[in-house]
């Protein structure tokens, strides 16, 4: 099983202009690799942030409903007949 990231780097190394300059080719490949890894890290960070936000909303949603500390018996006693 081949990694698509590795294949794209191999393709970049294989492509060359009329003048073959190893330093320029290596620089181009490394620049592309850093860009792809950086984008992956950014999406991973956003995924973790979204997950944390969903957990916080889920845990905090129970506190949104009004809470009464009175017992049902005391509520019926407060009502006028």
PDB file of N, CA and C in Angstrom:
ATOM      1  N   UNK A   1       0.848  -1.172   0.000  1.00  0.00           N
ATOM      2  CA  UNK A   1       0.000   0.000   0.000  1.00  0.00           C
ATOM      3  C   UNK A   1       0.895   1.237   0.000  1.00  0.00           C
ATOM      4  N   UNK A   2       0.684   2.107  -0.954  1.00  0.00           N
ATOM      5  CA  UNK A   2       1.521   3.299  -1.080  1.00  0.00           C
ATOM      6  C   UNK A   2       0.821   4.506  -0.480  1.00  0.00           C
ATOM      7  N   UNK A   3       1.592   5.347   0.087  1.00  0.00           N
ATOM      8  CA  UNK A   3       1.103   6.587   0.674  1.00  0.00           C
ATOM      9  C   UNK A   3       0.959   7.634  -0.430  1.00  0.00           C
ATOM     10  N   UNK A   4      -0.207   8.285  -0.569  1.00  0.00           N
ATOM     11  CA  UNK A   4      -0.377   9.285  -1.625  1.00  0.00           C
ATOM     12  C   UNK A   4       0.564  10.480  -1.449  1.00  0.00           C
ATOM     13  N   UNK A   5       0.869  10.817  -0.209  1.00  0.00           N
ATOM     14  CA  UNK A   5       1.797  11.916   0.048  1.00  0.00           C
ATOM     15  C   UNK A   5       3.185  11.569  -0.485  1.00  0.00           C
ATOM     16  N   UNK A   6       3.611  10.337  -0.221  1.00  0.00           N
ATOM     17  CA  UNK A   6       4.924   9.885  -0.697  1.00  0.00           C
ATOM     18  C   UNK A   6       4.960   9.835  -2.227  1.00  0.00           C
ATOM     19  N   UNK A   7       3.871   9.384  -2.819  1.00  0.00           N
ATOM     20  CA  UNK A   7       3.818   9.333  -4.279  1.00  0.00           C
ATOM     21  C   UNK A   7       3.900  10.717  -4.904  1.00  0.00           C
ATOM     22  N   UNK A   8       3.224  11.691  -4.290  1.00  0.00           N
ATOM     23  CA  UNK A   8       3.285  13.055  -4.839  1.00  0.00           C
ATOM     24  C   UNK A   8       4.699  13.623  -4.729  1.00  0.00           C
ATOM     25  N   UNK A   9       5.405  13.285  -3.655  1.00  0.00           N
ATOM     26  CA  UNK A   9       6.790  13.745  -3.519  1.00  0.00           C
ATOM     27  C   UNK A   9       7.695  13.077  -4.549  1.00  0.00           C
ATOM     28  N   UNK A  10       7.462  11.785  -4.801  1.00  0.00           N
ATOM     29  CA  UNK A  10       8.255  11.082  -5.811  1.00  0.00           C
ATOM     30  C   UNK A  10       8.014  11.682  -7.198  1.00  0.00           C
ATOM     31  N   UNK A  11       6.762  12.019  -7.491  1.00  0.00           N
ATOM     32  CA  UNK A  11       6.445  12.637  -8.778  1.00  0.00           C
ATOM     33  C   UNK A  11       7.139  13.984  -8.931  1.00  0.00           C
ATOM     34  N   UNK A  12       7.183  14.752  -7.839  1.00  0.00           N
ATOM     35  CA  UNK A  12       7.864  16.048  -7.898  1.00  0.00           C
ATOM     36  C   UNK A  12       9.361  15.884  -8.140  1.00  0.00           C
ATOM     37  N   UNK A  13       9.947  14.859  -7.533  1.00  0.00           N
ATOM     38  CA  UNK A  13      11.377  14.628  -7.736  1.00  0.00           C
ATOM     39  C   UNK A  13      11.678  14.155  -9.160  1.00  0.00           C
ATOM     40  N   UNK A  14      10.749  13.389  -9.745  1.00  0.00           N
ATOM     41  CA  UNK A  14      10.977  12.867 -11.092  1.00  0.00           C
ATOM     42  C   UNK A  14      10.866  13.950 -12.160  1.00  0.00           C
ATOM     43  N   UNK A  15       9.986  14.926 -11.933  1.00  0.00           N
ATOM     44  CA  UNK A  15       9.834  15.995 -12.921  1.00  0.00           C
ATOM     45  C   UNK A  15      11.047  16.909 -12.840  1.00  0.00           C
ATOM     46  N   UNK A  16      11.625  17.189 -13.961  1.00  0.00           N
ATOM     47  CA  UNK A  16      12.786  18.084 -13.976  1.00  0.00           C
ATOM     48  C   UNK A  16      12.732  18.941 -15.224  1.00  0.00           C
ATOM     49  N   UNK A  17      13.326  20.094 -15.129  1.00  0.00           N
ATOM     50  CA  UNK A  17      13.383  20.990 -16.278  1.00  0.00           C
ATOM     51  C   UNK A  17      14.568  20.591 -17.157  1.00  0.00           C
ATOM     52  N   UNK A  18      14.851  21.395 -18.176  1.00  0.00           N
ATOM     53  CA  UNK A  18      15.950  21.072 -19.092  1.00  0.00           C
ATOM     54  C   UNK A  18      17.295  21.068 -18.363  1.00  0.00           C
ATOM     55  N   UNK A  19      17.448  21.927 -17.386  1.00  0.00           N
ATOM     56  CA  UNK A  19      18.674  21.959 -16.571  1.00  0.00           C
ATOM     57  C   UNK A  19      18.334  21.289 -15.245  1.00  0.00           C
ATOM     58  N   UNK A  20      19.024  20.209 -14.949  1.00  0.00           N
ATOM     59  CA  UNK A  20      18.738  19.440 -13.743  1.00  0.00           C
ATOM     60  C   UNK A  20      19.556  20.011 -12.576  1.00  0.00           C
ATOM     61  N   UNK A  21      18.873  20.633 -11.650  1.00  0.00           N
ATOM     62  CA  UNK A  21      19.509  21.217 -10.472  1.00  0.00           C
ATOM     63  C   UNK A  21      18.949  20.510  -9.239  1.00  0.00           C
ATOM     64  N   UNK A  22      19.767  19.673  -8.622  1.00  0.00           N
ATOM     65  CA  UNK A  22      19.307  18.882  -7.484  1.00  0.00           C
ATOM     66  C   UNK A  22      18.872  19.751  -6.310  1.00  0.00           C
ATOM     67  N   UNK A  23      19.604  20.825  -6.023  1.00  0.00           N
ATOM     68  CA  UNK A  23      19.248  21.692  -4.896  1.00  0.00           C
ATOM     69  C   UNK A  23      17.898  22.353  -5.117  1.00  0.00           C
ATOM     70  N   UNK A  24      17.643  22.828  -6.324  1.00  0.00           N
ATOM     71  CA  UNK A  24      16.365  23.471  -6.616  1.00  0.00           C
ATOM     72  C   UNK A  24      15.226  22.457  -6.544  1.00  0.00           C
ATOM     73  N   UNK A  25      15.460  21.253  -7.055  1.00  0.00           N
ATOM     74  CA  UNK A  25      14.442  20.210  -7.014  1.00  0.00           C
ATOM     75  C   UNK A  25      14.136  19.817  -5.580  1.00  0.00           C
ATOM     76  N   UNK A  26      15.174  19.623  -4.793  1.00  0.00           N
ATOM     77  CA  UNK A  26      14.990  19.268  -3.395  1.00  0.00           C
ATOM     78  C   UNK A  26      14.267  20.388  -2.647  1.00  0.00           C
ATOM     79  N   UNK A  27      14.634  21.617  -2.909  1.00  0.00           N
ATOM     80  CA  UNK A  27      13.969  22.751  -2.264  1.00  0.00           C
ATOM     81  C   UNK A  27      12.488  22.805  -2.608  1.00  0.00           C
ATOM     82  N   UNK A  28      12.162  22.552  -3.881  1.00  0.00           N
ATOM     83  CA  UNK A  28      10.764  22.565  -4.310  1.00  0.00           C
ATOM     84  C   UNK A  28       9.983  21.444  -3.641  1.00  0.00           C
ATOM     85  N   UNK A  29      10.591  20.268  -3.542  1.00  0.00           N
ATOM     86  CA  UNK A  29       9.917  19.135  -2.910  1.00  0.00           C
ATOM     87  C   UNK A  29       9.702  19.387  -1.417  1.00  0.00           C
ATOM     88  N   UNK A  30      10.710  19.903  -0.758  1.00  0.00           N
ATOM     89  CA  UNK A  30      10.575  20.176   0.680  1.00  0.00           C
ATOM     90  C   UNK A  30       9.547  21.270   0.951  1.00  0.00           C
ATOM     91  N   UNK A  31       9.509  22.266   0.097  1.00  0.00           N
ATOM     92  CA  UNK A  31       8.536  23.345   0.247  1.00  0.00           C
ATOM     93  C   UNK A  31       7.116  22.790   0.109  1.00  0.00           C
ATOM     94  N   UNK A  32       6.907  21.931  -0.886  1.00  0.00           N
ATOM     95  CA  UNK A  32       5.592  21.318  -1.077  1.00  0.00           C
ATOM     96  C   UNK A  32       5.246  20.398   0.092  1.00  0.00           C
ATOM     97  N   UNK A  33       6.223  19.651   0.578  1.00  0.00           N
ATOM     98  CA  UNK A  33       5.981  18.745   1.708  1.00  0.00           C
ATOM     99  C   UNK A  33       5.585  19.531   2.953  1.00  0.00           C
ATOM    100  N   UNK A  34       6.274  20.625   3.219  1.00  0.00           N
ATOM    101  CA  UNK A  34       5.943  21.446   4.387  1.00  0.00           C
ATOM    102  C   UNK A  34       4.552  22.038   4.264  1.00  0.00           C
ATOM    103  N   UNK A  35       4.184  22.431   3.061  1.00  0.00           N
ATOM    104  CA  UNK A  35       2.856  22.996   2.835  1.00  0.00           C
ATOM    105  C   UNK A  35       1.780  21.948   3.081  1.00  0.00           C
ATOM    106  N   UNK A  36       1.993  20.733   2.586  1.00  0.00           N
ATOM    107  CA  UNK A  36       1.001  19.676   2.762  1.00  0.00           C
ATOM    108  C   UNK A  36       0.897  19.244   4.220  1.00  0.00           C
ATOM    109  N   UNK A  37       2.022  19.139   4.896  1.00  0.00           N
ATOM    110  CA  UNK A  37       2.001  18.748   6.308  1.00  0.00           C
ATOM    111  C   UNK A  37       1.356  19.846   7.142  1.00  0.00           C
ATOM    112  N   UNK A  38       1.649  21.095   6.830  1.00  0.00           N
ATOM    113  CA  UNK A  38       1.057  22.213   7.557  1.00  0.00           C
ATOM    114  C   UNK A  38      -0.447  22.260   7.405  1.00  0.00           C
ATOM    115  N   UNK A  39      -0.943  21.997   6.206  1.00  0.00           N
ATOM    116  CA  UNK A  39      -2.391  21.981   5.985  1.00  0.00           C
ATOM    117  C   UNK A  39      -3.030  20.842   6.767  1.00  0.00           C
ATOM    118  N   UNK A  40      -2.382  19.690   6.792  1.00  0.00           N
ATOM    119  CA  UNK A  40      -2.909  18.562   7.565  1.00  0.00           C
ATOM    120  C   UNK A  40      -2.956  18.868   9.050  1.00  0.00           C
ATOM    121  N   UNK A  41      -1.925  19.512   9.558  1.00  0.00           N
ATOM    122  CA  UNK A  41      -1.899  19.891  10.972  1.00  0.00           C
ATOM    123  C   UNK A  41      -2.985  20.904  11.294  1.00  0.00           C
ATOM    124  N   UNK A  42      -3.217  21.834  10.381  1.00  0.00           N
ATOM    125  CA  UNK A  42      -4.244  22.844  10.593  1.00  0.00           C
ATOM    126  C   UNK A  42      -5.627  22.207  10.651  1.00  0.00           C
ATOM    127  N   UNK A  43      -5.915  21.285   9.731  1.00  0.00           N
ATOM    128  CA  UNK A  43      -7.214  20.608   9.759  1.00  0.00           C
ATOM    129  C   UNK A  43      -7.352  19.735  10.998  1.00  0.00           C
ATOM    130  N   UNK A  44      -6.272  19.125  11.431  1.00  0.00           N
ATOM    131  CA  UNK A  44      -6.300  18.321  12.653  1.00  0.00           C
ATOM    132  C   UNK A  44      -6.596  19.199  13.866  1.00  0.00           C
ATOM    133  N   UNK A  45      -5.974  20.363  13.919  1.00  0.00           N
ATOM    134  CA  UNK A  45      -6.210  21.298  15.018  1.00  0.00           C
ATOM    135  C   UNK A  45      -7.665  21.747  15.046  1.00  0.00           C
ATOM    136  N   UNK A  46      -8.217  22.067  13.875  1.00  0.00           N
ATOM    137  CA  UNK A  46      -9.617  22.487  13.821  1.00  0.00           C
ATOM    138  C   UNK A  46     -10.540  21.349  14.236  1.00  0.00           C
ATOM    139  N   UNK A  47     -10.197  20.114  13.884  1.00  0.00           N
ATOM    140  CA  UNK A  47     -11.003  18.968  14.295  1.00  0.00           C
ATOM    141  C   UNK A  47     -11.003  18.776  15.798  1.00  0.00           C
ATOM    142  N   UNK A  48      -9.837  18.928  16.416  1.00  0.00           N
ATOM    143  CA  UNK A  48      -9.751  18.809  17.882  1.00  0.00           C
ATOM    144  C   UNK A  48     -10.505  19.948  18.563  1.00  0.00           C
ATOM    145  N   UNK A  49     -10.420  21.146  17.991  1.00  0.00           N
ATOM    146  CA  UNK A  49     -11.114  22.294  18.558  1.00  0.00           C
ATOM    147  C   UNK A  49     -12.623  22.083  18.484  1.00  0.00           C
ATOM    148  N   UNK A  50     -13.101  21.600  17.337  1.00  0.00           N
ATOM    149  CA  UNK A  50     -14.527  21.354  17.163  1.00  0.00           C
ATOM    150  C   UNK A  50     -15.003  20.272  18.129  1.00  0.00           C
ATOM    151  N   UNK A  51     -14.218  19.228  18.301  1.00  0.00           N
ATOM    152  CA  UNK A  51     -14.575  18.158  19.228  1.00  0.00           C
ATOM    153  C   UNK A  51     -14.668  18.690  20.665  1.00  0.00           C
ATOM    154  N   UNK A  52     -13.715  19.505  21.063  1.00  0.00           N
ATOM    155  CA  UNK A  52     -13.739  20.088  22.410  1.00  0.00           C
ATOM    156  C   UNK A  52     -14.950  20.998  22.593  1.00  0.00           C
ATOM    157  N   UNK A  53     -15.303  21.743  21.562  1.00  0.00           N
ATOM    158  CA  UNK A  53     -16.470  22.624  21.632  1.00  0.00           C
ATOM    159  C   UNK A  53     -17.748  21.805  21.779  1.00  0.00           C
ATOM    160  N   UNK A  54     -17.849  20.712  21.042  1.00  0.00           N
ATOM    161  CA  UNK A  54     -19.036  19.858  21.143  1.00  0.00           C
ATOM    162  C   UNK A  54     -19.144  19.220  22.525  1.00  0.00           C
ATOM    163  N   UNK A  55     -18.025  18.803  23.099  1.00  0.00           N
ATOM    164  CA  UNK A  55     -18.041  18.228  24.452  1.00  0.00           C
ATOM    165  C   UNK A  55     -18.476  19.279  25.461  1.00  0.00           C
ATOM    166  N   UNK A  56     -17.971  20.505  25.317  1.00  0.00           N
ATOM    167  CA  UNK A  56     -18.339  21.583  26.241  1.00  0.00           C
ATOM    168  C   UNK A  56     -19.826  21.913  26.130  1.00  0.00           C
ATOM    169  N   UNK A  57     -20.347  21.969  24.912  1.00  0.00           N
ATOM    170  CA  UNK A  57     -21.772  22.250  24.736  1.00  0.00           C
ATOM    171  C   UNK A  57     -22.626  21.119  25.288  1.00  0.00           C
ATOM    172  N   UNK A  58     -22.193  19.900  25.101  1.00  0.00           N
ATOM    173  CA  UNK A  58     -22.942  18.759  25.612  1.00  0.00           C
ATOM    174  C   UNK A  58     -22.968  18.762  27.137  1.00  0.00           C
ATOM    175  N   UNK A  59     -21.858  19.041  27.757  1.00  0.00           N
ATOM    176  CA  UNK A  59     -21.797  19.051  29.221  1.00  0.00           C
ATOM    177  C   UNK A  59     -22.511  20.265  29.812  1.00  0.00           C
ATOM    178  N   UNK A  60     -22.528  21.371  29.089  1.00  0.00           N
ATOM    179  CA  UNK A  60     -23.162  22.576  29.611  1.00  0.00           C
ATOM    180  C   UNK A  60     -24.642  22.655  29.322  1.00  0.00           C
ATOM    181  N   UNK A  61     -25.156  21.825  28.424  1.00  0.00           N
ATOM    182  CA  UNK A  61     -26.565  21.922  28.044  1.00  0.00           C
ATOM    183  C   UNK A  61     -27.501  21.554  29.194  1.00  0.00           C
ATOM    184  N   UNK A  62     -27.071  20.738  30.105  1.00  0.00           N
ATOM    185  CA  UNK A  62     -27.922  20.377  31.249  1.00  0.00           C
ATOM    186  C   UNK A  62     -28.151  21.574  32.161  1.00  0.00           C
ATOM    187  N   UNK A  63     -27.282  22.548  32.116  1.00  0.00           N
ATOM    188  CA  UNK A  63     -27.397  23.707  32.997  1.00  0.00           C
ATOM    189  C   UNK A  63     -28.260  24.811  32.389  1.00  0.00           C
ATOM    190  N   UNK A  64     -28.747  24.617  31.194  1.00  0.00           N
ATOM    191  CA  UNK A  64     -29.556  25.637  30.545  1.00  0.00           C
ATOM    192  C   UNK A  64     -31.006  25.596  31.005  1.00  0.00           C
ATOM    193  N   UNK A  65     -31.505  24.441  31.375  1.00  0.00           N
ATOM    194  CA  UNK A  65     -32.885  24.311  31.824  1.00  0.00           C
ATOM    195  C   UNK A  65     -33.011  24.877  33.234  1.00  0.00           C
ATOM    196  N   UNK A  66     -34.119  25.588  33.501  1.00  0.00           N
ATOM    197  CA  UNK A  66     -34.301  26.118  34.865  1.00  0.00           C
ATOM    198  C   UNK A  66     -34.449  24.978  35.867  1.00  0.00           C
ATOM    199  N   UNK A  67     -33.861  25.157  36.999  1.00  0.00           N
ATOM    200  CA  UNK A  67     -33.884  24.132  38.034  1.00  0.00           C
ATOM    201  C   UNK A  67     -34.649  24.679  39.226  1.00  0.00           C
ATOM    202  N   UNK A  68     -35.623  23.924  39.666  1.00  0.00           N
ATOM    203  CA  UNK A  68     -36.400  24.316  40.838  1.00  0.00           C
ATOM    204  C   UNK A  68     -35.981  23.448  42.007  1.00  0.00           C
ATOM    205  N   UNK A  69     -35.778  24.077  43.146  1.00  0.00           N
ATOM    206  CA  UNK A  69     -35.355  23.314  44.322  1.00  0.00           C
ATOM    207  C   UNK A  69     -36.530  22.970  45.227  1.00  0.00           C
ATOM    208  N   UNK A  70     -37.694  23.450  44.826  1.00  0.00           N
ATOM    209  CA  UNK A  70     -38.873  23.138  45.631  1.00  0.00           C
ATOM    210  C   UNK A  70     -39.351  21.724  45.326  1.00  0.00           C
ATOM    211  N   UNK A  71     -39.882  21.080  46.322  1.00  0.00           N
ATOM    212  CA  UNK A  71     -40.433  19.746  46.126  1.00  0.00           C
ATOM    213  C   UNK A  71     -41.843  19.881  45.571  1.00  0.00           C
ATOM    214  N   UNK A  72     -42.383  18.863  44.939  1.00  0.00           N
ATOM    215  CA  UNK A  72     -43.738  18.947  44.404  1.00  0.00           C
ATOM    216  C   UNK A  72     -44.777  19.248  45.477  1.00  0.00           C
ATOM    217  N   UNK A  73     -44.573  18.767  46.698  1.00  0.00           N
ATOM    218  CA  UNK A  73     -45.541  19.010  47.784  1.00  0.00           C
ATOM    219  C   UNK A  73     -45.569  20.482  48.167  1.00  0.00           C
ATOM    220  N   UNK A  74     -44.419  21.134  48.206  1.00  0.00           N
ATOM    221  CA  UNK A  74     -44.390  22.547  48.585  1.00  0.00           C
ATOM    222  C   UNK A  74     -44.979  23.412  47.482  1.00  0.00           C
ATOM    223  N   UNK A  75     -44.900  22.995  46.243  1.00  0.00           N
ATOM    224  CA  UNK A  75     -45.479  23.758  45.136  1.00  0.00           C
ATOM    225  C   UNK A  75     -47.013  23.737  45.215  1.00  0.00           C
ATOM    226  N   UNK A  76     -47.558  22.586  45.542  1.00  0.00           N
ATOM    227  CA  UNK A  76     -49.027  22.495  45.624  1.00  0.00           C
ATOM    228  C   UNK A  76     -49.530  23.268  46.836  1.00  0.00           C
ATOM    229  N   UNK A  77     -48.763  23.396  47.894  1.00  0.00           N
ATOM    230  CA  UNK A  77     -49.169  24.139  49.067  1.00  0.00           C
ATOM    231  C   UNK A  77     -49.172  25.633  48.807  1.00  0.00           C
ATOM    232  N   UNK A  78     -48.331  26.104  47.859  1.00  0.00           N
ATOM    233  CA  UNK A  78     -48.246  27.524  47.550  1.00  0.00           C
ATOM    234  C   UNK A  78     -49.405  27.987  46.675  1.00  0.00           C
ATOM    235  N   UNK A  79     -50.069  27.051  45.993  1.00  0.00           N
ATOM    236  CA  UNK A  79     -51.142  27.425  45.086  1.00  0.00           C
ATOM    237  C   UNK A  79     -52.398  27.778  45.883  1.00  0.00           C
ATOM    238  N   UNK A  80     -53.107  28.764  45.393  1.00  0.00           N
ATOM    239  CA  UNK A  80     -54.364  29.153  46.038  1.00  0.00           C
ATOM    240  C   UNK A  80     -55.467  28.203  45.581  1.00  0.00           C
ATOM    241  N   UNK A  81     -56.324  27.848  46.488  1.00  0.00           N
ATOM    242  CA  UNK A  81     -57.425  26.942  46.143  1.00  0.00           C
ATOM    243  C   UNK A  81     -58.563  27.670  45.535  1.00  0.00           C
TER     244      UNK A  81
END
